[in-house]
């Protein structure tokens, strides 16, 4: 199921950030606890409408919405960073050709390349810190994500009309 893949990816994302500098055991414990709390007594008696209401309420939580928005903004930002415009590509190609063919032309390029590498290193450290902060926030969302996954699984099993998209989105 697509939602299961999302929940697993979100949990793995959080876990990888924690492994990179935080407590993996705490993350694993939080994940186990969230999974254990996902099932509630009486789940099997909930109607399709009640399941839909529960899922809708989860998605309206301000903390959940803030996380989704921040994740989307981050993804868009990374996508934009990966796309260089034609002018930048042409300029870098020209500089590389110039530095390899004209004696002494590499000196300015080497200083600029070193400066660029330092800036990229600083940017990478900042991005790692941001990922770690998002992972910590993600741990707080694990119970809602696991419960949401459980609600969708129940709705699919009950063949709720609104859940058919989740069933076919594998």
Protein backbone atom coordinates (compact mmCIF):
# COMPACT_ATOMS: atom_id res chain seq x y z
CA UNK A 1 0.00 0.00 0.00
CA UNK A 2 1.19 3.50 -0.74
CA UNK A 3 0.43 4.76 2.79
CA UNK A 4 2.42 1.89 4.30
CA UNK A 5 5.36 2.79 2.07
CA UNK A 6 5.06 6.45 3.13
CA UNK A 7 4.97 5.56 6.83
CA UNK A 8 7.92 3.21 6.46
CA UNK A 9 9.88 5.81 4.49
CA UNK A 10 9.08 8.49 7.04
CA UNK A 11 10.19 6.24 9.88
CA UNK A 12 13.37 5.24 8.04
CA UNK A 13 14.11 8.88 7.30
CA UNK A 14 13.77 9.72 10.97
CA UNK A 15 15.81 6.67 11.94
CA UNK A 16 18.64 7.47 9.52
CA UNK A 17 18.92 10.99 10.88
CA UNK A 18 19.05 9.65 14.42
CA UNK A 19 21.63 7.01 13.49
CA UNK A 20 23.78 9.78 12.05
CA UNK A 21 24.14 11.46 15.39
CA UNK A 22 21.48 10.54 17.88
CA UNK A 23 20.12 7.61 19.82
CA UNK A 24 19.01 4.76 17.56
CA UNK A 25 17.58 2.77 20.46
CA UNK A 26 15.29 5.67 21.42
CA UNK A 27 14.07 5.84 17.83
CA UNK A 28 13.41 2.10 17.71
CA UNK A 29 11.54 2.27 21.02
CA UNK A 30 9.42 5.19 19.80
CA UNK A 31 8.60 3.26 16.62
CA UNK A 32 7.62 0.14 18.55
CA UNK A 33 5.44 2.16 20.91
CA UNK A 34 3.74 3.96 18.02
CA UNK A 35 2.99 0.65 16.31
CA UNK A 36 1.63 -0.84 19.53
CA UNK A 37 -0.66 2.17 20.07
CA UNK A 38 -1.93 2.18 16.48
CA UNK A 39 -4.57 -0.46 17.21
CA UNK A 40 -7.37 0.53 19.55
CA UNK A 41 -10.04 -1.61 21.19
CA UNK A 42 -13.20 -1.54 19.11
CA UNK A 43 -11.43 -0.72 15.83
CA UNK A 44 -13.28 -3.54 14.09
CA UNK A 45 -16.63 -1.95 15.01
CA UNK A 46 -15.87 1.43 13.44
CA UNK A 47 -17.90 2.35 10.38
CA UNK A 48 -16.42 3.70 7.17
CA UNK A 49 -17.61 7.19 8.12
CA UNK A 50 -16.00 6.96 11.55
CA UNK A 51 -12.72 5.76 10.05
CA UNK A 52 -12.79 8.58 7.52
CA UNK A 53 -13.43 11.11 10.30
CA UNK A 54 -10.50 9.80 12.32
CA UNK A 55 -8.14 10.02 9.36
CA UNK A 56 -9.37 13.48 8.45
CA UNK A 57 -8.90 14.69 12.04
CA UNK A 58 -5.30 13.41 12.01
CA UNK A 59 -4.50 15.29 8.82
CA UNK A 60 -5.95 18.51 10.23
CA UNK A 61 -3.64 18.51 13.24
CA UNK A 62 -1.50 21.68 13.02
CA UNK A 63 1.70 19.80 13.90
CA UNK A 64 1.02 17.23 11.18
CA UNK A 65 0.25 19.93 8.60
CA UNK A 66 3.37 21.88 9.54
CA UNK A 67 5.51 18.77 9.05
CA UNK A 68 3.93 17.99 5.67
CA UNK A 69 4.41 21.59 4.54
CA UNK A 70 8.03 21.73 5.73
CA UNK A 71 8.80 18.43 4.03
CA UNK A 72 7.24 19.65 0.78
CA UNK A 73 9.11 22.95 0.89
CA UNK A 74 12.38 21.10 1.54
CA UNK A 75 11.74 18.75 -1.39
CA UNK A 76 11.01 21.66 -3.72
CA UNK A 77 14.13 23.48 -2.53
CA UNK A 78 16.33 20.44 -3.17
CA UNK A 79 14.81 19.95 -6.60
CA UNK A 80 15.52 23.58 -7.47
CA UNK A 81 19.12 23.24 -6.24
CA UNK A 82 19.67 20.27 -8.54
CA UNK A 83 18.60 22.23 -11.62
CA UNK A 84 21.24 24.57 -12.90
CA UNK A 85 20.21 26.98 -15.60
CA UNK A 86 21.85 26.82 -19.02
CA UNK A 87 23.98 29.89 -18.31
CA UNK A 88 25.55 28.32 -15.22
CA UNK A 89 26.27 25.06 -17.05
CA UNK A 90 27.79 26.95 -20.00
CA UNK A 91 29.92 29.13 -17.71
CA UNK A 92 31.25 26.15 -15.75
CA UNK A 93 32.01 24.25 -18.97
CA UNK A 94 33.82 27.28 -20.43
CA UNK A 95 35.86 27.82 -17.26
CA UNK A 96 36.89 24.16 -17.18
CA UNK A 97 38.01 24.34 -20.82
CA UNK A 98 39.85 27.62 -20.19
CA UNK A 99 41.64 26.29 -17.09
CA UNK A 100 42.83 23.17 -18.91
CA UNK A 101 44.05 24.93 -22.05
CA UNK A 102 45.42 28.38 -21.07
CA UNK A 103 48.55 28.51 -18.86
CA UNK A 104 47.87 30.33 -15.58
CA UNK A 105 44.10 30.47 -16.13
CA UNK A 106 43.56 27.80 -13.51
CA UNK A 107 44.79 29.97 -10.63
CA UNK A 108 41.62 32.03 -10.35
CA UNK A 109 39.48 28.99 -10.97
CA UNK A 110 41.26 27.01 -8.26
CA UNK A 111 40.64 29.72 -5.68
CA UNK A 112 37.02 29.93 -6.71
CA UNK A 113 36.66 26.14 -6.65
CA UNK A 114 38.14 26.04 -3.15
CA UNK A 115 35.78 28.77 -2.00
CA UNK A 116 32.84 26.93 -3.56
CA UNK A 117 33.83 23.68 -1.88
CA UNK A 118 33.97 25.38 1.51
CA UNK A 119 30.55 26.96 0.96
CA UNK A 120 29.11 23.60 -0.10
CA UNK A 121 30.56 21.97 3.00
CA UNK A 122 28.93 24.57 5.22
CA UNK A 123 25.65 24.11 3.38
CA UNK A 124 25.90 20.34 3.84
CA UNK A 125 26.42 20.74 7.59
CA UNK A 126 23.41 23.05 7.78
CA UNK A 127 21.27 20.55 5.85
CA UNK A 128 22.33 17.71 8.16
CA UNK A 129 21.31 19.76 11.19
CA UNK A 130 17.94 20.56 9.59
CA UNK A 131 17.35 16.88 8.77
CA UNK A 132 18.15 15.92 12.34
CA UNK A 133 15.70 18.51 13.67
CA UNK A 134 12.99 17.26 11.29
CA UNK A 135 13.67 13.69 12.39
CA UNK A 136 13.18 14.66 16.02
CA UNK A 137 9.84 16.27 15.14
CA UNK A 138 8.97 13.20 13.10
CA UNK A 139 9.29 11.00 16.17
CA UNK A 140 6.44 12.98 17.73
CA UNK A 141 4.32 12.25 14.66
CA UNK A 142 4.97 8.50 14.63
CA UNK A 143 1.86 7.65 16.70
CA UNK A 144 -0.38 9.62 14.32
CA UNK A 145 1.29 8.09 11.25
CA UNK A 146 0.95 4.55 12.57
CA UNK A 147 -2.66 5.16 13.62
CA UNK A 148 -3.40 6.65 10.20
CA UNK A 149 -1.93 3.59 8.54
CA UNK A 150 -4.07 1.36 10.75
CA UNK A 151 -7.23 3.36 9.97
CA UNK A 152 -6.57 3.06 6.24
CA UNK A 153 -5.93 -0.69 6.53
CA UNK A 154 -9.24 -1.09 8.38
CA UNK A 155 -11.05 0.99 5.76
CA UNK A 156 -9.57 -1.07 2.92
CA UNK A 157 -10.57 -4.30 4.69
CA UNK A 158 -14.12 -2.95 5.11
CA UNK A 159 -14.08 -1.91 1.44
CA UNK A 160 -14.89 1.70 2.27
CA UNK A 161 -15.45 3.72 -0.87
CA UNK A 162 -13.05 6.48 0.16
CA UNK A 163 -10.25 3.97 0.79
CA UNK A 164 -10.31 2.37 -2.66
CA UNK A 165 -7.64 4.82 -3.85
CA UNK A 166 -5.26 3.56 -1.16
CA UNK A 167 -5.94 -0.02 -2.17
CA UNK A 168 -5.12 0.57 -5.86
CA UNK A 169 -2.16 2.95 -5.25
CA UNK A 170 0.37 0.18 -4.62
